[in-house]
Amino acid sequence: MILTKHFRTRVTERLGASADPDYIGRAIAWAIENQRQDLIEYLGRQDKHGLRVWRFRYPDGRFIRVIINHTANVAVTLFPEDSAKDKWPIPA
């Protein structure tokens, strides 16, 4: 999975300076590829062009939503669940 500069910036901004964007990106990709629903939950399709919304629990206990463009295999951004509800609602 390709990690954009935006994704990398958001990881450190929203998860803390000690969060490693590469490690988190690899872990997300691995969990999705291996259908590890115990680690990452598919919430739905954000649009018809490949954007999908996923949720995982960060080690500090927060739920984090991640937006992935599956068509381009790109991690777009992530949000702590409580701040994501308005901008990235759970798709119907």
N, C-alpha and C. Protein backbone atom coordinates (compact mmCIF):
# COMPACT_ATOMS: atom_id res chain seq x y z
N MET A 1 0.84 -1.17 0.00
CA MET A 1 0.00 0.00 0.00
C MET A 1 0.89 1.24 0.00
N ILE A 2 0.51 2.22 -0.79
CA ILE A 2 1.23 3.48 -0.86
C ILE A 2 0.74 4.38 0.28
N LEU A 3 1.67 4.99 0.98
CA LEU A 3 1.34 5.92 2.05
C LEU A 3 1.65 7.33 1.57
N THR A 4 0.62 8.14 1.44
CA THR A 4 0.82 9.51 0.98
C THR A 4 1.49 10.35 2.06
N LYS A 5 2.04 11.47 1.65
CA LYS A 5 2.61 12.42 2.60
C LYS A 5 1.53 12.87 3.58
N HIS A 6 0.33 13.08 3.07
CA HIS A 6 -0.80 13.49 3.92
C HIS A 6 -1.07 12.44 4.99
N PHE A 7 -1.10 11.17 4.61
CA PHE A 7 -1.33 10.09 5.57
C PHE A 7 -0.25 10.09 6.65
N ARG A 8 1.00 10.19 6.21
CA ARG A 8 2.12 10.19 7.16
C ARG A 8 2.02 11.36 8.14
N THR A 9 1.66 12.52 7.63
CA THR A 9 1.51 13.70 8.49
C THR A 9 0.39 13.49 9.50
N ARG A 10 -0.73 12.96 9.04
CA ARG A 10 -1.88 12.76 9.93
C ARG A 10 -1.58 11.71 11.01
N VAL A 11 -0.80 10.70 10.67
CA VAL A 11 -0.44 9.71 11.68
C VAL A 11 0.28 10.39 12.84
N THR A 12 1.30 11.18 12.54
CA THR A 12 2.05 11.81 13.62
C THR A 12 1.24 12.89 14.33
N GLU A 13 0.42 13.63 13.60
CA GLU A 13 -0.43 14.67 14.21
C GLU A 13 -1.49 14.06 15.13
N ARG A 14 -2.11 13.01 14.68
CA ARG A 14 -3.29 12.50 15.37
C ARG A 14 -3.01 11.33 16.31
N LEU A 15 -1.89 10.64 16.10
CA LEU A 15 -1.57 9.51 16.96
C LEU A 15 -0.36 9.80 17.84
N GLY A 16 0.38 10.84 17.53
CA GLY A 16 1.52 11.21 18.35
C GLY A 16 2.84 11.06 17.61
N ALA A 17 3.82 11.80 18.07
CA ALA A 17 5.13 11.81 17.42
C ALA A 17 5.81 10.45 17.43
N SER A 18 5.48 9.61 18.40
CA SER A 18 6.12 8.30 18.47
C SER A 18 5.49 7.28 17.52
N ALA A 19 4.35 7.61 16.92
CA ALA A 19 3.69 6.70 15.98
C ALA A 19 4.49 6.62 14.68
N ASP A 20 4.72 5.43 14.21
CA ASP A 20 5.49 5.20 12.99
C ASP A 20 4.53 4.98 11.82
N PRO A 21 4.41 5.95 10.90
CA PRO A 21 3.48 5.80 9.79
C PRO A 21 3.72 4.55 8.94
N ASP A 22 4.98 4.20 8.72
CA ASP A 22 5.29 3.01 7.90
C ASP A 22 4.79 1.74 8.58
N TYR A 23 5.05 1.63 9.87
CA TYR A 23 4.61 0.45 10.62
C TYR A 23 3.09 0.37 10.64
N ILE A 24 2.44 1.49 10.90
CA ILE A 24 0.97 1.50 10.94
C ILE A 24 0.40 1.16 9.57
N GLY A 25 0.97 1.73 8.52
CA GLY A 25 0.50 1.42 7.16
C GLY A 25 0.66 -0.05 6.82
N ARG A 26 1.82 -0.63 7.17
CA ARG A 26 2.03 -2.06 6.92
C ARG A 26 1.07 -2.92 7.72
N ALA A 27 0.84 -2.54 8.98
CA ALA A 27 -0.08 -3.32 9.83
C ALA A 27 -1.50 -3.27 9.28
N ILE A 28 -1.94 -2.10 8.84
CA ILE A 28 -3.28 -1.96 8.25
C ILE A 28 -3.40 -2.82 7.00
N ALA A 29 -2.42 -2.70 6.11
CA ALA A 29 -2.44 -3.47 4.85
C ALA A 29 -2.46 -4.96 5.14
N TRP A 30 -1.62 -5.41 6.09
CA TRP A 30 -1.56 -6.83 6.43
C TRP A 30 -2.89 -7.32 6.97
N ALA A 31 -3.49 -6.55 7.88
CA ALA A 31 -4.76 -6.96 8.48
C ALA A 31 -5.87 -7.06 7.43
N ILE A 32 -5.89 -6.11 6.49
CA ILE A 32 -6.91 -6.15 5.43
C ILE A 32 -6.66 -7.33 4.51
N GLU A 33 -5.43 -7.49 4.04
CA GLU A 33 -5.09 -8.57 3.12
C GLU A 33 -5.36 -9.95 3.72
N ASN A 34 -5.17 -10.08 5.01
CA ASN A 34 -5.34 -11.37 5.68
C ASN A 34 -6.72 -11.51 6.33
N GLN A 35 -7.60 -10.58 6.00
CA GLN A 35 -8.99 -10.62 6.49
C GLN A 35 -9.06 -10.79 8.00
N ARG A 36 -8.22 -10.05 8.71
CA ARG A 36 -8.17 -10.11 10.17
C ARG A 36 -9.21 -9.17 10.76
N GLN A 37 -10.45 -9.62 10.74
CA GLN A 37 -11.56 -8.82 11.23
C GLN A 37 -11.48 -8.58 12.73
N ASP A 38 -10.65 -9.34 13.41
CA ASP A 38 -10.43 -9.11 14.83
C ASP A 38 -9.50 -7.91 15.06
N LEU A 39 -8.80 -7.47 14.00
CA LEU A 39 -7.87 -6.35 14.11
C LEU A 39 -8.36 -5.09 13.42
N ILE A 40 -9.09 -5.24 12.32
CA ILE A 40 -9.57 -4.09 11.57
C ILE A 40 -10.98 -4.40 11.06
N GLU A 41 -11.84 -3.42 11.16
CA GLU A 41 -13.25 -3.61 10.79
C GLU A 41 -13.60 -2.76 9.57
N TYR A 42 -14.19 -3.39 8.58
CA TYR A 42 -14.65 -2.67 7.40
C TYR A 42 -15.96 -1.97 7.75
N LEU A 43 -16.02 -0.65 7.54
CA LEU A 43 -17.23 0.11 7.85
C LEU A 43 -18.09 0.38 6.62
N GLY A 44 -17.46 0.46 5.46
CA GLY A 44 -18.25 0.67 4.25
C GLY A 44 -17.52 1.45 3.18
N ARG A 45 -18.24 1.61 2.10
CA ARG A 45 -17.71 2.31 0.93
C ARG A 45 -18.04 3.80 1.06
N GLN A 46 -17.05 4.65 0.90
CA GLN A 46 -17.27 6.09 0.99
C GLN A 46 -17.73 6.67 -0.34
N ASP A 47 -17.25 6.09 -1.44
CA ASP A 47 -17.69 6.56 -2.75
C ASP A 47 -17.54 5.43 -3.77
N LYS A 48 -17.90 5.70 -5.00
CA LYS A 48 -17.85 4.67 -6.06
C LYS A 48 -16.48 4.56 -6.71
N HIS A 49 -15.52 5.34 -6.24
CA HIS A 49 -14.22 5.38 -6.89
C HIS A 49 -13.12 4.69 -6.08
N GLY A 50 -13.49 3.88 -5.13
CA GLY A 50 -12.51 3.08 -4.42
C GLY A 50 -12.27 3.45 -2.96
N LEU A 51 -12.81 4.58 -2.49
CA LEU A 51 -12.58 4.96 -1.10
C LEU A 51 -13.39 4.08 -0.17
N ARG A 52 -12.68 3.47 0.78
CA ARG A 52 -13.30 2.59 1.76
C ARG A 52 -12.91 3.05 3.16
N VAL A 53 -13.82 2.87 4.09
CA VAL A 53 -13.60 3.29 5.47
C VAL A 53 -13.40 2.04 6.33
N TRP A 54 -12.33 2.05 7.13
CA TRP A 54 -12.00 0.96 8.03
C TRP A 54 -11.81 1.53 9.43
N ARG A 55 -11.91 0.67 10.44
CA ARG A 55 -11.69 1.11 11.82
C ARG A 55 -10.83 0.08 12.54
N PHE A 56 -9.89 0.59 13.34
CA PHE A 56 -9.08 -0.29 14.17
C PHE A 56 -8.88 0.37 15.53
N ARG A 57 -8.50 -0.44 16.50
CA ARG A 57 -8.23 0.09 17.84
C ARG A 57 -6.72 0.29 17.98
N TYR A 58 -6.36 1.52 18.30
CA TYR A 58 -4.95 1.87 18.54
C TYR A 58 -4.56 1.35 19.92
N PRO A 59 -3.29 1.05 20.16
CA PRO A 59 -2.90 0.49 21.45
C PRO A 59 -3.31 1.33 22.68
N ASP A 60 -3.51 2.63 22.51
CA ASP A 60 -3.93 3.44 23.65
C ASP A 60 -5.43 3.34 23.93
N GLY A 61 -6.13 2.51 23.12
CA GLY A 61 -7.56 2.26 23.34
C GLY A 61 -8.49 3.03 22.44
N ARG A 62 -7.99 4.06 21.75
CA ARG A 62 -8.85 4.84 20.85
C ARG A 62 -9.18 4.05 19.59
N PHE A 63 -10.41 4.26 19.09
CA PHE A 63 -10.76 3.73 17.78
C PHE A 63 -10.32 4.75 16.73
N ILE A 64 -9.69 4.26 15.68
CA ILE A 64 -9.17 5.10 14.61
C ILE A 64 -9.81 4.66 13.31
N ARG A 65 -10.31 5.63 12.55
CA ARG A 65 -10.82 5.33 11.20
C ARG A 65 -9.73 5.65 10.19
N VAL A 66 -9.61 4.79 9.21
CA VAL A 66 -8.64 5.00 8.15
C VAL A 66 -9.38 4.95 6.82
N ILE A 67 -9.03 5.87 5.94
CA ILE A 67 -9.63 5.95 4.61
C ILE A 67 -8.61 5.45 3.61
N ILE A 68 -9.00 4.42 2.84
CA ILE A 68 -8.09 3.82 1.88
C ILE A 68 -8.75 3.84 0.50
N ASN A 69 -7.97 4.26 -0.49
CA ASN A 69 -8.41 4.17 -1.87
C ASN A 69 -7.95 2.81 -2.38
N HIS A 70 -8.86 1.86 -2.43
CA HIS A 70 -8.50 0.51 -2.84
C HIS A 70 -8.23 0.41 -4.33
N THR A 71 -8.80 1.30 -5.12
CA THR A 71 -8.54 1.30 -6.56
C THR A 71 -7.07 1.61 -6.83
N ALA A 72 -6.53 2.59 -6.11
CA ALA A 72 -5.14 3.01 -6.30
C ALA A 72 -4.19 2.39 -5.28
N ASN A 73 -4.74 1.62 -4.31
CA ASN A 73 -3.95 1.02 -3.24
C ASN A 73 -3.18 2.08 -2.44
N VAL A 74 -3.94 3.12 -2.00
CA VAL A 74 -3.34 4.26 -1.31
C VAL A 74 -4.05 4.50 0.01
N ALA A 75 -3.26 4.64 1.08
CA ALA A 75 -3.80 5.09 2.36
C ALA A 75 -3.95 6.60 2.29
N VAL A 76 -5.18 7.09 2.42
CA VAL A 76 -5.47 8.51 2.22
C VAL A 76 -5.30 9.32 3.50
N THR A 77 -5.98 8.92 4.56
CA THR A 77 -5.92 9.67 5.82
C THR A 77 -6.44 8.81 6.96
N LEU A 78 -6.33 9.32 8.17
CA LEU A 78 -6.94 8.65 9.31
C LEU A 78 -7.38 9.68 10.34
N PHE A 79 -8.34 9.28 11.16
CA PHE A 79 -8.93 10.14 12.18
C PHE A 79 -9.22 9.33 13.42
N PRO A 80 -9.03 9.91 14.60
CA PRO A 80 -9.62 9.27 15.77
C PRO A 80 -11.14 9.24 15.57
N GLU A 81 -11.78 8.17 15.98
CA GLU A 81 -13.20 7.97 15.73
C GLU A 81 -14.05 9.16 16.18
N ASP A 82 -13.78 9.73 17.34
CA ASP A 82 -14.63 10.81 17.83
C ASP A 82 -14.54 12.07 16.98
N SER A 83 -13.42 12.29 16.29
CA SER A 83 -13.30 13.47 15.43
C SER A 83 -13.68 13.18 13.98
N ALA A 84 -13.93 11.93 13.65
CA ALA A 84 -14.19 11.54 12.26
C ALA A 84 -15.66 11.53 11.91
N LYS A 85 -16.53 11.57 12.89
CA LYS A 85 -17.95 11.35 12.63
C LYS A 85 -18.57 12.35 11.67
N ASP A 86 -18.17 13.62 11.75
CA ASP A 86 -18.76 14.62 10.89
C ASP A 86 -18.19 14.59 9.47
N LYS A 87 -16.86 14.46 9.38
CA LYS A 87 -16.21 14.51 8.06
C LYS A 87 -16.33 13.19 7.31
N TRP A 88 -16.20 12.07 8.00
CA TRP A 88 -16.25 10.75 7.37
C TRP A 88 -17.27 9.89 8.09
N PRO A 89 -18.56 10.14 7.87
CA PRO A 89 -19.57 9.33 8.55
C PRO A 89 -19.51 7.88 8.10
N ILE A 90 -20.01 7.01 8.95
CA ILE A 90 -20.09 5.60 8.56
C ILE A 90 -21.06 5.51 7.39
N PRO A 91 -20.61 4.96 6.26
CA PRO A 91 -21.48 4.84 5.09
C PRO A 91 -22.70 3.98 5.37
N ALA A 92 -23.77 4.29 4.68
CA ALA A 92 -25.01 3.51 4.83
C ALA A 92 -24.95 2.23 4.05
